[in-house]
Amino acid sequence: MATLKDVAEKVGVSITTVSRVMNGRGAISRETRDKVFAAMKELNYFPNEMARSLGNKSSHLIGLIVPYIDHAFFWHPDSCY
């Protein structure tokens, strides 16, 4: 799995520059932005959403508590024990 550092090394820029491109912050040239996105695609890089949620303080996850999983309302035929 590719990391932010791998993308930065491939393009020849700093990790900070790659981060700025991904977040749309700072003055980055179109050429550098295109190179970063091309490297991300080539390396099959995608950001770790759980790691990003630490900085955003929002995980966008929903928890669900059910009383009995074997109850007919909650049971699904594909969920075998």
C-alpha atoms as a PDB file:
ATOM      1  CA  MET A   1       0.000   0.000   0.000  1.00  0.00           C
ATOM      2  CA  ALA A   2       1.421   3.349  -1.055  1.00  0.00           C
ATOM      3  CA  THR A   3       1.968   6.125   1.459  1.00  0.00           C
ATOM      4  CA  LEU A   4       2.022   9.899   1.238  1.00  0.00           C
ATOM      5  CA  LYS A   5       5.822   9.702   1.353  1.00  0.00           C
ATOM      6  CA  ASP A   6       5.871   7.368  -1.673  1.00  0.00           C
ATOM      7  CA  VAL A   7       3.785   9.828  -3.685  1.00  0.00           C
ATOM      8  CA  ALA A   8       6.043  12.729  -2.665  1.00  0.00           C
ATOM      9  CA  GLU A   9       9.204  10.832  -3.629  1.00  0.00           C
ATOM     10  CA  LYS A  10       7.758   9.804  -7.000  1.00  0.00           C
ATOM     11  CA  VAL A  11       6.880  13.400  -7.909  1.00  0.00           C
ATOM     12  CA  GLY A  12       9.997  14.906  -6.311  1.00  0.00           C
ATOM     13  CA  VAL A  13       8.197  17.239  -3.911  1.00  0.00           C
ATOM     14  CA  SER A  14       7.759  17.373  -0.143  1.00  0.00           C
ATOM     15  CA  ILE A  15       5.089  15.521   1.814  1.00  0.00           C
ATOM     16  CA  THR A  16       3.653  18.932   2.716  1.00  0.00           C
ATOM     17  CA  THR A  17       3.156  19.766  -0.957  1.00  0.00           C
ATOM     18  CA  VAL A  18       1.302  16.498  -1.559  1.00  0.00           C
ATOM     19  CA  SER A  19      -0.875  17.190   1.477  1.00  0.00           C
ATOM     20  CA  ARG A  20      -1.656  20.699   0.234  1.00  0.00           C
ATOM     21  CA  VAL A  21      -2.638  19.346  -3.176  1.00  0.00           C
ATOM     22  CA  MET A  22      -4.935  16.748  -1.605  1.00  0.00           C
ATOM     23  CA  ASN A  23      -6.611  19.282   0.694  1.00  0.00           C
ATOM     24  CA  GLY A  24      -6.781  22.087  -1.889  1.00  0.00           C
ATOM     25  CA  ARG A  25      -4.786  24.516   0.245  1.00  0.00           C
ATOM     26  CA  GLY A  26      -1.921  26.795  -0.616  1.00  0.00           C
ATOM     27  CA  ALA A  27      -0.644  28.113  -3.912  1.00  0.00           C
ATOM     28  CA  ILE A  28       0.318  25.046  -5.959  1.00  0.00           C
ATOM     29  CA  SER A  29       0.965  25.197  -9.691  1.00  0.00           C
ATOM     30  CA  ARG A  30      -1.309  23.306 -12.052  1.00  0.00           C
ATOM     31  CA  GLU A  31       1.683  21.273 -13.275  1.00  0.00           C
ATOM     32  CA  THR A  32       2.598  20.095  -9.769  1.00  0.00           C
ATOM     33  CA  ARG A  33      -1.026  19.332  -8.955  1.00  0.00           C
ATOM     34  CA  ASP A  34      -1.374  17.221 -12.106  1.00  0.00           C
ATOM     35  CA  LYS A  35       1.867  15.349 -11.333  1.00  0.00           C
ATOM     36  CA  VAL A  36       0.715  14.587  -7.783  1.00  0.00           C
ATOM     37  CA  PHE A  37      -2.668  13.276  -8.915  1.00  0.00           C
ATOM     38  CA  ALA A  38      -1.018  11.184 -11.654  1.00  0.00           C
ATOM     39  CA  ALA A  39       1.399   9.669  -9.108  1.00  0.00           C
ATOM     40  CA  MET A  40      -1.484   8.952  -6.713  1.00  0.00           C
ATOM     41  CA  LYS A  41      -3.335   7.116  -9.473  1.00  0.00           C
ATOM     42  CA  GLU A  42      -0.244   5.224 -10.638  1.00  0.00           C
ATOM     43  CA  LEU A  43       0.645   4.107  -7.102  1.00  0.00           C
ATOM     44  CA  ASN A  44      -3.011   3.373  -6.303  1.00  0.00           C
ATOM     45  CA  TYR A  45      -2.798   5.711  -3.314  1.00  0.00           C
ATOM     46  CA  PHE A  46      -5.865   6.759  -1.382  1.00  0.00           C
ATOM     47  CA  PRO A  47      -5.970   8.542   1.987  1.00  0.00           C
ATOM     48  CA  ASN A  48      -6.688   6.585   5.139  1.00  0.00           C
ATOM     49  CA  GLU A  49     -10.068   7.949   6.189  1.00  0.00           C
ATOM     50  CA  MET A  50      -9.681   6.883   9.819  1.00  0.00           C
ATOM     51  CA  ALA A  51      -6.394   8.787  10.054  1.00  0.00           C
ATOM     52  CA  ARG A  52      -7.975  11.845   8.443  1.00  0.00           C
ATOM     53  CA  SER A  53     -10.857  11.700  10.905  1.00  0.00           C
ATOM     54  CA  LEU A  54      -8.418  12.244  13.787  1.00  0.00           C
ATOM     55  CA  GLY A  55      -7.582  15.690  12.433  1.00  0.00           C
ATOM     56  CA  ASN A  56     -11.145  16.508  11.413  1.00  0.00           C
ATOM     57  CA  LYS A  57     -12.574  15.236  14.722  1.00  0.00           C
ATOM     58  CA  SER A  58     -15.363  13.608  12.725  1.00  0.00           C
ATOM     59  CA  SER A  59     -15.373   9.970  11.595  1.00  0.00           C
ATOM     60  CA  HIS A  60     -18.775   9.900   9.839  1.00  0.00           C
ATOM     61  CA  LEU A  61     -19.467   6.489  11.403  1.00  0.00           C
ATOM     62  CA  ILE A  62     -22.783   5.432  12.881  1.00  0.00           C
ATOM     63  CA  GLY A  63     -23.086   2.885  15.664  1.00  0.00           C
ATOM     64  CA  LEU A  64     -26.066   0.571  15.888  1.00  0.00           C
ATOM     65  CA  ILE A  65     -27.070  -1.458  18.922  1.00  0.00           C
ATOM     66  CA  VAL A  66     -29.597  -4.250  18.489  1.00  0.00           C
ATOM     67  CA  PRO A  67     -30.989  -6.278  21.399  1.00  0.00           C
ATOM     68  CA  TYR A  68     -30.996  -9.732  19.773  1.00  0.00           C
ATOM     69  CA  ILE A  69     -29.338 -10.558  16.483  1.00  0.00           C
ATOM     70  CA  ASP A  70     -31.336 -13.787  16.143  1.00  0.00           C
ATOM     71  CA  HIS A  71     -34.652 -11.905  16.313  1.00  0.00           C
ATOM     72  CA  ALA A  72     -36.558 -12.140  13.011  1.00  0.00           C
ATOM     73  CA  PHE A  73     -36.542  -8.360  12.538  1.00  0.00           C
ATOM     74  CA  PHE A  74     -32.715  -8.151  12.687  1.00  0.00           C
ATOM     75  CA  TRP A  75     -31.861 -11.534  11.179  1.00  0.00           C
ATOM     76  CA  HIS A  76     -30.713 -11.936   7.581  1.00  0.00           C
ATOM     77  CA  PRO A  77     -30.466 -15.342   5.836  1.00  0.00           C
ATOM     78  CA  ASP A  78     -26.845 -14.688   4.812  1.00  0.00           C
ATOM     79  CA  SER A  79     -25.707 -14.039   8.401  1.00  0.00           C
ATOM     80  CA  CYS A  80     -25.075 -17.580   9.582  1.00  0.00           C
ATOM     81  CA  TYR A  81     -23.261 -18.261  12.810  1.00  0.00           C
END
